PDB file of all heavy atoms in Angstrom:
ATOM      1  N   LEU A   1     -14.307  -9.787   4.614  1.00  0.00           N
ATOM      2  CA  LEU A   1     -14.943  -8.526   3.958  1.00  0.00           C
ATOM      3  C   LEU A   1     -13.675  -7.525   3.697  1.00  0.00           C
ATOM      4  O   LEU A   1     -13.654  -6.832   2.739  1.00  0.00           O
ATOM      5  CB  LEU A   1     -15.893  -7.913   4.876  1.00  0.00           C
ATOM      6  CG  LEU A   1     -17.304  -8.677   4.826  1.00  0.00           C
ATOM      7  CD1 LEU A   1     -18.222  -8.020   5.856  1.00  0.00           C
ATOM      8  CD2 LEU A   1     -17.956  -8.669   3.434  1.00  0.00           C
ATOM      9  N   ALA A   2     -12.883  -7.463   4.744  1.00  0.00           N
ATOM     10  CA  ALA A   2     -11.699  -6.526   4.464  1.00  0.00           C
ATOM     11  C   ALA A   2     -10.810  -6.968   3.300  1.00  0.00           C
ATOM     12  O   ALA A   2     -10.413  -6.108   2.573  1.00  0.00           O
ATOM     13  CB  ALA A   2     -10.899  -6.506   5.868  1.00  0.00           C
ATOM     14  N   VAL A   3     -10.570  -8.209   3.213  1.00  0.00           N
ATOM     15  CA  VAL A   3      -9.742  -8.747   2.083  1.00  0.00           C
ATOM     16  C   VAL A   3     -10.533  -8.501   0.752  1.00  0.00           C
ATOM     17  O   VAL A   3      -9.908  -8.027  -0.232  1.00  0.00           O
ATOM     18  CB  VAL A   3      -9.481 -10.238   2.264  1.00  0.00           C
ATOM     19  CG1 VAL A   3      -8.806 -10.788   1.028  1.00  0.00           C
ATOM     20  CG2 VAL A   3      -8.482 -10.458   3.492  1.00  0.00           C
ATOM     21  N   ARG A   4     -11.805  -8.707   0.753  1.00  0.00           N
ATOM     22  CA  ARG A   4     -12.609  -8.444  -0.433  1.00  0.00           C
ATOM     23  C   ARG A   4     -12.506  -6.989  -0.916  1.00  0.00           C
ATOM     24  O   ARG A   4     -12.444  -6.668  -2.003  1.00  0.00           O
ATOM     25  CB  ARG A   4     -14.019  -8.919  -0.224  1.00  0.00           C
ATOM     26  CG  ARG A   4     -14.186 -10.337  -0.334  1.00  0.00           C
ATOM     27  CD  ARG A   4     -15.728 -10.767  -0.335  1.00  0.00           C
ATOM     28  NE  ARG A   4     -15.835 -12.187  -0.227  1.00  0.00           N
ATOM     29  CZ  ARG A   4     -15.654 -13.051  -1.069  1.00  0.00           C
ATOM     30  NH1 ARG A   4     -15.389 -12.764  -2.263  1.00  0.00           N
ATOM     31  NH2 ARG A   4     -15.724 -14.384  -0.923  1.00  0.00           N
ATOM     32  N   ARG A   5     -12.626  -6.158   0.147  1.00  0.00           N
ATOM     33  CA  ARG A   5     -12.574  -4.695  -0.164  1.00  0.00           C
ATOM     34  C   ARG A   5     -11.219  -4.313  -0.775  1.00  0.00           C
ATOM     35  O   ARG A   5     -11.194  -3.502  -1.714  1.00  0.00           O
ATOM     36  CB  ARG A   5     -12.681  -3.869   1.164  1.00  0.00           C
ATOM     37  CG  ARG A   5     -14.132  -3.437   1.513  1.00  0.00           C
ATOM     38  CD  ARG A   5     -14.167  -2.403   2.541  1.00  0.00           C
ATOM     39  NE  ARG A   5     -13.338  -2.556   3.678  1.00  0.00           N
ATOM     40  CZ  ARG A   5     -13.716  -3.196   4.774  1.00  0.00           C
ATOM     41  NH1 ARG A   5     -14.901  -3.818   4.807  1.00  0.00           N
ATOM     42  NH2 ARG A   5     -12.902  -3.301   5.771  1.00  0.00           N
ATOM     43  N   ILE A   6     -10.160  -4.838  -0.286  1.00  0.00           N
ATOM     44  CA  ILE A   6      -8.812  -4.633  -0.848  1.00  0.00           C
ATOM     45  C   ILE A   6      -8.730  -5.158  -2.244  1.00  0.00           C
ATOM     46  O   ILE A   6      -8.297  -4.462  -3.184  1.00  0.00           O
ATOM     47  CB  ILE A   6      -7.668  -5.230   0.032  1.00  0.00           C
ATOM     48  CG1 ILE A   6      -7.605  -4.525   1.365  1.00  0.00           C
ATOM     49  CG2 ILE A   6      -6.397  -5.180  -0.714  1.00  0.00           C
ATOM     50  CD1 ILE A   6      -6.813  -5.193   2.462  1.00  0.00           C
ATOM     51  N   ILE A   7      -9.114  -6.350  -2.427  1.00  0.00           N
ATOM     52  CA  ILE A   7      -9.185  -6.912  -3.779  1.00  0.00           C
ATOM     53  C   ILE A   7     -10.056  -6.121  -4.783  1.00  0.00           C
ATOM     54  O   ILE A   7      -9.580  -5.797  -5.892  1.00  0.00           O
ATOM     55  CB  ILE A   7      -9.642  -8.459  -3.765  1.00  0.00           C
ATOM     56  CG1 ILE A   7      -8.605  -9.263  -3.109  1.00  0.00           C
ATOM     57  CG2 ILE A   7      -9.882  -8.905  -5.209  1.00  0.00           C
ATOM     58  CD1 ILE A   7      -9.037 -10.665  -2.735  1.00  0.00           C
ATOM     59  N   ASP A   8     -11.309  -5.740  -4.283  1.00  0.00           N
ATOM     60  CA  ASP A   8     -12.247  -5.001  -5.210  1.00  0.00           C
ATOM     61  C   ASP A   8     -11.498  -3.669  -5.508  1.00  0.00           C
ATOM     62  O   ASP A   8     -11.764  -3.179  -6.663  1.00  0.00           O
ATOM     63  CB  ASP A   8     -13.514  -4.647  -4.417  1.00  0.00           C
ATOM     64  CG  ASP A   8     -14.368  -5.905  -4.375  1.00  0.00           C
ATOM     65  OD1 ASP A   8     -14.101  -6.882  -5.055  1.00  0.00           O
ATOM     66  OD2 ASP A   8     -15.381  -5.832  -3.597  1.00  0.00           O
ATOM     67  N   ARG A   9     -10.862  -3.065  -4.669  1.00  0.00           N
ATOM     68  CA  ARG A   9     -10.176  -1.687  -4.936  1.00  0.00           C
ATOM     69  C   ARG A   9      -9.106  -1.797  -5.927  1.00  0.00           C
ATOM     70  O   ARG A   9      -9.027  -0.935  -6.732  1.00  0.00           O
ATOM     71  CB  ARG A   9      -9.735  -1.106  -3.621  1.00  0.00           C
ATOM     72  CG  ARG A   9      -9.169   0.296  -3.847  1.00  0.00           C
ATOM     73  CD  ARG A   9      -8.773   0.887  -2.584  1.00  0.00           C
ATOM     74  NE  ARG A   9      -8.257   2.238  -2.799  1.00  0.00           N
ATOM     75  CZ  ARG A   9      -7.774   3.024  -1.896  1.00  0.00           C
ATOM     76  NH1 ARG A   9      -7.740   2.669  -0.661  1.00  0.00           N
ATOM     77  NH2 ARG A   9      -7.394   4.229  -2.211  1.00  0.00           N
ATOM     78  N   TRP A  10      -8.333  -2.873  -5.861  1.00  0.00           N
ATOM     79  CA  TRP A  10      -7.122  -2.921  -6.739  1.00  0.00           C
ATOM     80  C   TRP A  10      -7.047  -3.925  -7.834  1.00  0.00           C
ATOM     81  O   TRP A  10      -6.240  -3.789  -8.717  1.00  0.00           O
ATOM     82  CB  TRP A  10      -5.912  -3.152  -5.787  1.00  0.00           C
ATOM     83  CG  TRP A  10      -5.755  -2.054  -4.795  1.00  0.00           C
ATOM     84  CD1 TRP A  10      -5.987  -2.187  -3.446  1.00  0.00           C
ATOM     85  CD2 TRP A  10      -5.398  -0.689  -5.002  1.00  0.00           C
ATOM     86  NE1 TRP A  10      -5.823  -0.952  -2.774  1.00  0.00           N
ATOM     87  CE2 TRP A  10      -5.431  -0.020  -3.750  1.00  0.00           C
ATOM     88  CE3 TRP A  10      -5.028   0.026  -6.149  1.00  0.00           C
ATOM     89  CZ2 TRP A  10      -5.152   1.258  -3.603  1.00  0.00           C
ATOM     90  CZ3 TRP A  10      -4.713   1.338  -6.017  1.00  0.00           C
ATOM     91  CH2 TRP A  10      -4.801   1.975  -4.718  1.00  0.00           C
ATOM     92  N   ALA A  11      -8.056  -4.815  -7.935  1.00  0.00           N
ATOM     93  CA  ALA A  11      -8.028  -5.779  -8.910  1.00  0.00           C
ATOM     94  C   ALA A  11      -7.881  -5.360 -10.401  1.00  0.00           C
ATOM     95  O   ALA A  11      -7.114  -5.826 -11.188  1.00  0.00           O
ATOM     96  CB  ALA A  11      -9.236  -6.792  -8.778  1.00  0.00           C
ATOM     97  N   ASP A  12      -8.634  -4.345 -10.660  1.00  0.00           N
ATOM     98  CA  ASP A  12      -8.689  -3.880 -12.132  1.00  0.00           C
ATOM     99  C   ASP A  12      -7.850  -2.613 -12.338  1.00  0.00           C
ATOM    100  O   ASP A  12      -7.945  -2.036 -13.395  1.00  0.00           O
ATOM    101  CB  ASP A  12     -10.123  -3.783 -12.602  1.00  0.00           C
ATOM    102  CG  ASP A  12     -10.857  -2.769 -11.773  1.00  0.00           C
ATOM    103  OD1 ASP A  12     -10.389  -2.304 -10.773  1.00  0.00           O
ATOM    104  OD2 ASP A  12     -12.072  -2.499 -12.165  1.00  0.00           O
ATOM    105  N   ARG A  13      -7.103  -2.183 -11.323  1.00  0.00           N
ATOM    106  CA  ARG A  13      -6.260  -1.033 -11.498  1.00  0.00           C
ATOM    107  C   ARG A  13      -4.855  -1.383 -11.939  1.00  0.00           C
ATOM    108  O   ARG A  13      -4.423  -2.455 -11.651  1.00  0.00           O
ATOM    109  CB  ARG A  13      -6.226  -0.206 -10.181  1.00  0.00           C
ATOM    110  CG  ARG A  13      -7.563   0.262  -9.723  1.00  0.00           C
ATOM    111  CD  ARG A  13      -7.453   1.504  -9.013  1.00  0.00           C
ATOM    112  NE  ARG A  13      -8.748   1.873  -8.498  1.00  0.00           N
ATOM    113  CZ  ARG A  13      -8.968   2.656  -7.451  1.00  0.00           C
ATOM    114  NH1 ARG A  13      -7.899   3.121  -6.799  1.00  0.00           N
ATOM    115  NH2 ARG A  13     -10.072   2.955  -6.981  1.00  0.00           N
ATOM    116  N   ARG A  14      -4.233  -0.412 -12.487  1.00  0.00           N
ATOM    117  CA  ARG A  14      -2.797  -0.621 -12.914  1.00  0.00           C
ATOM    118  C   ARG A  14      -1.914  -0.744 -11.730  1.00  0.00           C
ATOM    119  O   ARG A  14      -2.214  -0.100 -10.719  1.00  0.00           O
ATOM    120  CB  ARG A  14      -2.350   0.531 -13.847  1.00  0.00           C
ATOM    121  CG  ARG A  14      -3.178   0.586 -15.115  1.00  0.00           C
ATOM    122  CD  ARG A  14      -2.753   1.759 -16.013  1.00  0.00           C
ATOM    123  NE  ARG A  14      -1.348   1.821 -16.279  1.00  0.00           N
ATOM    124  CZ  ARG A  14      -0.837   1.178 -17.391  1.00  0.00           C
ATOM    125  NH1 ARG A  14      -1.538   0.547 -18.287  1.00  0.00           N
ATOM    126  NH2 ARG A  14       0.481   1.228 -17.537  1.00  0.00           N
ATOM    127  N   LEU A  15      -0.870  -1.492 -11.888  1.00  0.00           N
ATOM    128  CA  LEU A  15       0.102  -1.691 -10.828  1.00  0.00           C
ATOM    129  C   LEU A  15       0.633  -0.405 -10.338  1.00  0.00           C
ATOM    130  O   LEU A  15       0.795  -0.143  -9.109  1.00  0.00           O
ATOM    131  CB  LEU A  15       1.216  -2.698 -11.251  1.00  0.00           C
ATOM    132  CG  LEU A  15       2.375  -2.817 -10.288  1.00  0.00           C
ATOM    133  CD1 LEU A  15       1.854  -3.412  -8.968  1.00  0.00           C
ATOM    134  CD2 LEU A  15       3.500  -3.626 -10.884  1.00  0.00           C
ATOM    135  N   GLY A  16       0.865   0.540 -11.230  1.00  0.00           N
ATOM    136  CA  GLY A  16       1.440   1.898 -10.851  1.00  0.00           C
ATOM    137  C   GLY A  16       0.579   2.666  -9.808  1.00  0.00           C
ATOM    138  O   GLY A  16       1.028   3.310  -8.862  1.00  0.00           O
ATOM    139  N   GLU A  17      -0.758   2.546  -9.986  1.00  0.00           N
ATOM    140  CA  GLU A  17      -1.723   3.136  -9.041  1.00  0.00           C
ATOM    141  C   GLU A  17      -1.515   2.544  -7.669  1.00  0.00           C
ATOM    142  O   GLU A  17      -1.535   3.159  -6.667  1.00  0.00           O
ATOM    143  CB  GLU A  17      -3.123   3.005  -9.550  1.00  0.00           C
ATOM    144  CG  GLU A  17      -3.525   3.883 -10.703  1.00  0.00           C
ATOM    145  CD  GLU A  17      -4.992   3.659 -10.985  1.00  0.00           C
ATOM    146  OE1 GLU A  17      -5.863   4.151 -10.195  1.00  0.00           O
ATOM    147  OE2 GLU A  17      -5.250   2.983 -12.005  1.00  0.00           O
ATOM    148  N   MET A  18      -1.475   1.259  -7.758  1.00  0.00           N
ATOM    149  CA  MET A  18      -1.386   0.563  -6.434  1.00  0.00           C
ATOM    150  C   MET A  18      -0.127   0.854  -5.706  1.00  0.00           C
ATOM    151  O   MET A  18      -0.053   1.076  -4.541  1.00  0.00           O
ATOM    152  CB  MET A  18      -1.508  -0.993  -6.668  1.00  0.00           C
ATOM    153  CG  MET A  18      -1.554  -1.857  -5.420  1.00  0.00           C
ATOM    154  SD  MET A  18      -1.604  -3.603  -5.843  1.00  0.00           S
ATOM    155  CE  MET A  18      -2.341  -4.299  -4.396  1.00  0.00           C
ATOM    156  N   LEU A  19       0.993   0.933  -6.482  1.00  0.00           N
ATOM    157  CA  LEU A  19       2.317   1.197  -5.912  1.00  0.00           C
ATOM    158  C   LEU A  19       2.313   2.639  -5.369  1.00  0.00           C
ATOM    159  O   LEU A  19       2.787   2.883  -4.295  1.00  0.00           O
ATOM    160  CB  LEU A  19       3.374   1.063  -6.944  1.00  0.00           C
ATOM    161  CG  LEU A  19       3.647  -0.416  -7.331  1.00  0.00           C
ATOM    162  CD1 LEU A  19       4.795  -0.397  -8.436  1.00  0.00           C
ATOM    163  CD2 LEU A  19       3.963  -1.270  -6.237  1.00  0.00           C
ATOM    164  N   ASP A  20       1.766   3.535  -6.079  1.00  0.00           N
ATOM    165  CA  ASP A  20       1.605   4.977  -5.587  1.00  0.00           C
ATOM    166  C   ASP A  20       0.980   4.976  -4.185  1.00  0.00           C
ATOM    167  O   ASP A  20       1.351   5.619  -3.182  1.00  0.00           O
ATOM    168  CB  ASP A  20       0.894   5.847  -6.522  1.00  0.00           C
ATOM    169  CG  ASP A  20       1.806   6.247  -7.748  1.00  0.00           C
ATOM    170  OD1 ASP A  20       3.030   6.052  -7.665  1.00  0.00           O
ATOM    171  OD2 ASP A  20       1.162   6.816  -8.692  1.00  0.00           O
ATOM    172  N   TYR A  21      -0.157   4.273  -4.105  1.00  0.00           N
ATOM    173  CA  TYR A  21      -0.870   4.233  -2.846  1.00  0.00           C
ATOM    174  C   TYR A  21      -0.066   3.569  -1.730  1.00  0.00           C
ATOM    175  O   TYR A  21       0.042   4.170  -0.653  1.00  0.00           O
ATOM    176  CB  TYR A  21      -2.212   3.444  -3.055  1.00  0.00           C
ATOM    177  CG  TYR A  21      -2.935   3.371  -1.704  1.00  0.00           C
ATOM    178  CD1 TYR A  21      -3.703   4.435  -1.203  1.00  0.00           C
ATOM    179  CD2 TYR A  21      -2.954   2.128  -0.991  1.00  0.00           C
ATOM    180  CE1 TYR A  21      -4.346   4.339   0.029  1.00  0.00           C
ATOM    181  CE2 TYR A  21      -3.641   2.000   0.213  1.00  0.00           C
ATOM    182  CZ  TYR A  21      -4.214   3.080   0.718  1.00  0.00           C
ATOM    183  OH  TYR A  21      -4.941   3.024   1.929  1.00  0.00           O
ATOM    184  N   VAL A  22       0.523   2.429  -1.936  1.00  0.00           N
ATOM    185  CA  VAL A  22       1.270   1.749  -0.959  1.00  0.00           C
ATOM    186  C   VAL A  22       2.424   2.471  -0.594  1.00  0.00           C
ATOM    187  O   VAL A  22       2.675   2.603   0.699  1.00  0.00           O
ATOM    188  CB  VAL A  22       1.697   0.377  -1.600  1.00  0.00           C
ATOM    189  CG1 VAL A  22       2.800  -0.297  -0.740  1.00  0.00           C
ATOM    190  CG2 VAL A  22       0.512  -0.645  -1.712  1.00  0.00           C
ATOM    191  N   TYR A  23       3.227   2.991  -1.478  1.00  0.00           N
ATOM    192  CA  TYR A  23       4.411   3.805  -1.157  1.00  0.00           C
ATOM    193  C   TYR A  23       4.182   5.114  -0.458  1.00  0.00           C
ATOM    194  O   TYR A  23       4.837   5.555   0.440  1.00  0.00           O
ATOM    195  CB  TYR A  23       5.325   4.103  -2.363  1.00  0.00           C
ATOM    196  CG  TYR A  23       5.789   2.898  -3.069  1.00  0.00           C
ATOM    197  CD1 TYR A  23       6.352   3.036  -4.383  1.00  0.00           C
ATOM    198  CD2 TYR A  23       5.662   1.579  -2.577  1.00  0.00           C
ATOM    199  CE1 TYR A  23       6.873   1.947  -5.062  1.00  0.00           C
ATOM    200  CE2 TYR A  23       6.193   0.464  -3.234  1.00  0.00           C
ATOM    201  CZ  TYR A  23       6.762   0.679  -4.494  1.00  0.00           C
ATOM    202  OH  TYR A  23       7.263  -0.358  -5.205  1.00  0.00           O
ATOM    203  N   LEU A  24       3.100   5.827  -0.851  1.00  0.00           N
ATOM    204  CA  LEU A  24       2.890   7.246  -0.432  1.00  0.00           C
ATOM    205  C   LEU A  24       1.760   7.381   0.544  1.00  0.00           C
ATOM    206  O   LEU A  24       1.669   8.535   1.249  1.00  0.00           O
ATOM    207  CB  LEU A  24       2.665   8.122  -1.592  1.00  0.00           C
ATOM    208  CG  LEU A  24       3.772   8.098  -2.670  1.00  0.00           C
ATOM    209  CD1 LEU A  24       3.329   8.831  -3.906  1.00  0.00           C
ATOM    210  CD2 LEU A  24       5.053   8.564  -2.164  1.00  0.00           C
ATOM    211  N   HIS A  25       0.813   6.409   0.742  1.00  0.00           N
ATOM    212  CA  HIS A  25      -0.384   6.679   1.466  1.00  0.00           C
ATOM    213  C   HIS A  25      -0.685   5.549   2.564  1.00  0.00           C
ATOM    214  O   HIS A  25      -1.844   5.450   2.934  1.00  0.00           O
ATOM    215  CB  HIS A  25      -1.598   6.852   0.557  1.00  0.00           C
ATOM    216  CG  HIS A  25      -1.427   7.941  -0.490  1.00  0.00           C
ATOM    217  ND1 HIS A  25      -1.430   9.285  -0.108  1.00  0.00           N
ATOM    218  CD2 HIS A  25      -1.137   7.913  -1.790  1.00  0.00           C
ATOM    219  CE1 HIS A  25      -1.263   9.984  -1.175  1.00  0.00           C
ATOM    220  NE2 HIS A  25      -1.101   9.173  -2.162  1.00  0.00           N
ATOM    221  N   THR A  26       0.275   4.828   2.932  1.00  0.00           N
ATOM    222  CA  THR A  26       0.073   3.791   3.947  1.00  0.00           C
ATOM    223  C   THR A  26       0.919   4.207   5.111  1.00  0.00           C
ATOM    224  O   THR A  26       2.106   4.599   4.968  1.00  0.00           O
ATOM    225  CB  THR A  26       0.427   2.325   3.536  1.00  0.00           C
ATOM    226  OG1 THR A  26       1.744   2.211   3.120  1.00  0.00           O
ATOM    227  CG2 THR A  26      -0.626   1.977   2.462  1.00  0.00           C
ATOM    228  N   GLU A  27       0.320   4.065   6.288  1.00  0.00           N
ATOM    229  CA  GLU A  27       1.019   4.545   7.592  1.00  0.00           C
ATOM    230  C   GLU A  27       2.426   4.023   7.752  1.00  0.00           C
ATOM    231  O   GLU A  27       3.342   4.684   8.105  1.00  0.00           O
ATOM    232  CB  GLU A  27       0.165   4.291   8.752  1.00  0.00           C
ATOM    233  CG  GLU A  27      -1.110   5.013   8.792  1.00  0.00           C
ATOM    234  CD  GLU A  27      -2.293   4.147   8.439  1.00  0.00           C
ATOM    235  OE1 GLU A  27      -2.228   3.235   7.594  1.00  0.00           O
ATOM    236  OE2 GLU A  27      -3.387   4.263   9.040  1.00  0.00           O
ATOM    237  N   PRO A  28       2.659   2.716   7.666  1.00  0.00           N
ATOM    238  CA  PRO A  28       3.999   2.142   7.894  1.00  0.00           C
ATOM    239  C   PRO A  28       5.077   2.708   6.958  1.00  0.00           C
ATOM    240  O   PRO A  28       6.226   2.780   7.340  1.00  0.00           O
ATOM    241  CB  PRO A  28       3.905   0.653   7.685  1.00  0.00           C
ATOM    242  CG  PRO A  28       2.423   0.401   7.908  1.00  0.00           C
ATOM    243  CD  PRO A  28       1.709   1.562   7.353  1.00  0.00           C
ATOM    244  N   MET A  29       4.718   3.275   5.745  1.00  0.00           N
ATOM    245  CA  MET A  29       5.721   3.814   4.896  1.00  0.00           C
ATOM    246  C   MET A  29       5.969   5.248   5.192  1.00  0.00           C
ATOM    247  O   MET A  29       6.933   5.851   4.665  1.00  0.00           O
ATOM    248  CB  MET A  29       5.172   3.710   3.411  1.00  0.00           C
ATOM    249  CG  MET A  29       5.266   2.241   2.809  1.00  0.00           C
ATOM    250  SD  MET A  29       6.963   1.640   2.811  1.00  0.00           S
ATOM    251  CE  MET A  29       7.773   2.750   1.718  1.00  0.00           C
ATOM    252  N   GLU A  30       5.191   5.922   6.006  1.00  0.00           N
ATOM    253  CA  GLU A  30       5.451   7.321   6.455  1.00  0.00           C
ATOM    254  C   GLU A  30       6.800   7.436   7.121  1.00  0.00           C
ATOM    255  O   GLU A  30       7.012   6.731   8.121  1.00  0.00           O
ATOM    256  CB  GLU A  30       4.330   7.854   7.362  1.00  0.00           C
ATOM    257  CG  GLU A  30       2.950   7.969   6.624  1.00  0.00           C
ATOM    258  CD  GLU A  30       1.898   8.393   7.570  1.00  0.00           C
ATOM    259  OE1 GLU A  30       2.202   8.701   8.804  1.00  0.00           O
ATOM    260  OE2 GLU A  30       0.750   8.459   7.150  1.00  0.00           O
ATOM    261  N   ARG A  31       7.672   8.240   6.588  1.00  0.00           N
ATOM    262  CA  ARG A  31       8.983   8.450   7.168  1.00  0.00           C
ATOM    263  C   ARG A  31       9.730   7.153   7.476  1.00  0.00           C
ATOM    264  O   ARG A  31      10.593   7.032   8.408  1.00  0.00           O
ATOM    265  CB  ARG A  31       8.924   9.278   8.474  1.00  0.00           C
ATOM    266  CG  ARG A  31       8.400  10.756   8.188  1.00  0.00           C
ATOM    267  CD  ARG A  31       8.343  11.597   9.433  1.00  0.00           C
ATOM    268  NE  ARG A  31       7.366  11.192  10.393  1.00  0.00           N
ATOM    269  CZ  ARG A  31       6.060  11.406  10.286  1.00  0.00           C
ATOM    270  NH1 ARG A  31       5.564  11.991   9.218  1.00  0.00           N
ATOM    271  NH2 ARG A  31       5.194  11.062  11.224  1.00  0.00           N
ATOM    272  N   ALA A  32       9.447   6.143   6.665  1.00  0.00           N
ATOM    273  CA  ALA A  32      10.190   4.861   6.689  1.00  0.00           C
ATOM    274  C   ALA A  32      11.633   5.047   6.236  1.00  0.00           C
ATOM    275  O   ALA A  32      11.833   5.869   5.330  1.00  0.00           O
ATOM    276  CB  ALA A  32       9.517   3.773   5.964  1.00  0.00           C
ATOM    277  N   GLU A  33      12.608   4.300   6.793  1.00  0.00           N
ATOM    278  CA  GLU A  33      13.950   4.350   6.356  1.00  0.00           C
ATOM    279  C   GLU A  33      14.295   3.115   5.536  1.00  0.00           C
ATOM    280  O   GLU A  33      13.960   2.002   5.961  1.00  0.00           O
ATOM    281  CB  GLU A  33      14.901   4.427   7.577  1.00  0.00           C
ATOM    282  CG  GLU A  33      14.733   5.743   8.403  1.00  0.00           C
ATOM    283  CD  GLU A  33      15.751   5.749   9.454  1.00  0.00           C
ATOM    284  OE1 GLU A  33      16.978   5.466   9.240  1.00  0.00           O
ATOM    285  OE2 GLU A  33      15.287   6.028  10.601  1.00  0.00           O
ATOM    286  N   ARG A  34      14.846   3.319   4.354  1.00  0.00           N
ATOM    287  CA  ARG A  34      15.293   2.216   3.541  1.00  0.00           C
ATOM    288  C   ARG A  34      16.155   1.214   4.257  1.00  0.00           C
ATOM    289  O   ARG A  34      17.005   1.532   4.925  1.00  0.00           O
ATOM    290  CB  ARG A  34      16.043   2.772   2.304  1.00  0.00           C
ATOM    291  CG  ARG A  34      16.365   1.780   1.269  1.00  0.00           C
ATOM    292  CD  ARG A  34      16.569   2.342  -0.078  1.00  0.00           C
ATOM    293  NE  ARG A  34      15.303   2.891  -0.483  1.00  0.00           N
ATOM    294  CZ  ARG A  34      15.227   3.928  -1.339  1.00  0.00           C
ATOM    295  NH1 ARG A  34      16.221   4.489  -1.840  1.00  0.00           N
ATOM    296  NH2 ARG A  34      14.043   4.399  -1.644  1.00  0.00           N
ATOM    297  N   GLY A  35      15.746   0.000   4.106  1.00  0.00           N
ATOM    298  CA  GLY A  35      16.423  -1.186   4.699  1.00  0.00           C
ATOM    299  C   GLY A  35      16.050  -1.447   6.144  1.00  0.00           C
ATOM    300  O   GLY A  35      16.466  -2.441   6.752  1.00  0.00           O
ATOM    301  N   LYS A  36      15.136  -0.612   6.737  1.00  0.00           N
ATOM    302  CA  LYS A  36      14.743  -0.806   8.139  1.00  0.00           C
ATOM    303  C   LYS A  36      13.285  -1.350   8.201  1.00  0.00           C
ATOM    304  O   LYS A  36      12.513  -1.225   7.249  1.00  0.00           O
ATOM    305  CB  LYS A  36      14.698   0.576   8.858  1.00  0.00           C
ATOM    306  CG  LYS A  36      16.068   1.297   8.807  1.00  0.00           C
ATOM    307  CD  LYS A  36      16.898   0.736   9.862  1.00  0.00           C
ATOM    308  CE  LYS A  36      18.198   1.691   9.899  1.00  0.00           C
ATOM    309  NZ  LYS A  36      19.186   1.238  10.723  1.00  0.00           N
ATOM    310  N   PRO A  37      12.954  -2.007   9.295  1.00  0.00           N
ATOM    311  CA  PRO A  37      11.647  -2.519   9.487  1.00  0.00           C
ATOM    312  C   PRO A  37      10.552  -1.494   9.363  1.00  0.00           C
ATOM    313  O   PRO A  37      10.767  -0.322   9.879  1.00  0.00           O
ATOM    314  CB  PRO A  37      11.652  -3.206  10.892  1.00  0.00           C
ATOM    315  CG  PRO A  37      13.096  -3.467  11.125  1.00  0.00           C
ATOM    316  CD  PRO A  37      13.876  -2.346  10.423  1.00  0.00           C
ATOM    317  N   LEU A  38       9.347  -1.843   8.927  1.00  0.00           N
ATOM    318  CA  LEU A  38       8.330  -0.891   8.888  1.00  0.00           C
ATOM    319  C   LEU A  38       7.589  -0.887  10.225  1.00  0.00           C
ATOM    320  O   LEU A  38       7.452  -1.924  10.829  1.00  0.00           O
ATOM    321  CB  LEU A  38       7.318  -1.250   7.714  1.00  0.00           C
ATOM    322  CG  LEU A  38       7.892  -1.164   6.363  1.00  0.00           C
ATOM    323  CD1 LEU A  38       6.893  -1.504   5.318  1.00  0.00           C
ATOM    324  CD2 LEU A  38       8.414   0.292   6.005  1.00  0.00           C
ATOM    325  N   ASP A  39       7.119   0.262  10.605  1.00  0.00           N
ATOM    326  CA  ASP A  39       6.538   0.407  11.918  1.00  0.00           C
ATOM    327  C   ASP A  39       4.978   0.412  11.770  1.00  0.00           C
ATOM    328  O   ASP A  39       4.324   1.475  11.402  1.00  0.00           O
ATOM    329  CB  ASP A  39       6.958   1.787  12.521  1.00  0.00           C
ATOM    330  CG  ASP A  39       6.403   2.024  13.882  1.00  0.00           C
ATOM    331  OD1 ASP A  39       5.660   1.122  14.381  1.00  0.00           O
ATOM    332  OD2 ASP A  39       6.595   3.165  14.480  1.00  0.00           O
ATOM    333  N   PHE A  40       4.391  -0.699  12.064  1.00  0.00           N
ATOM    334  CA  PHE A  40       2.852  -0.884  11.973  1.00  0.00           C
ATOM    335  C   PHE A  40       2.172  -0.305  13.050  1.00  0.00           C
ATOM    336  O   PHE A  40       1.002  -0.141  13.060  1.00  0.00           O
ATOM    337  CB  PHE A  40       2.571  -2.359  11.808  1.00  0.00           C
ATOM    338  CG  PHE A  40       2.764  -2.923  10.417  1.00  0.00           C
ATOM    339  CD1 PHE A  40       4.017  -3.251   9.911  1.00  0.00           C
ATOM    340  CD2 PHE A  40       1.705  -2.996   9.556  1.00  0.00           C
ATOM    341  CE1 PHE A  40       4.305  -3.757   8.699  1.00  0.00           C
ATOM    342  CE2 PHE A  40       1.861  -3.527   8.264  1.00  0.00           C
ATOM    343  CZ  PHE A  40       3.159  -3.846   7.763  1.00  0.00           C
TER     344      PHE A  40
END
């Protein structure tokens, strides 16, 4: 169900929308340092 929710949310959206969300609104990307591991 979690995977289906993710697919349902992003399947018909433009890549740019998805990238904005991934880069700016996911916890591991908050204050992440380029080249460093992400903190889950």
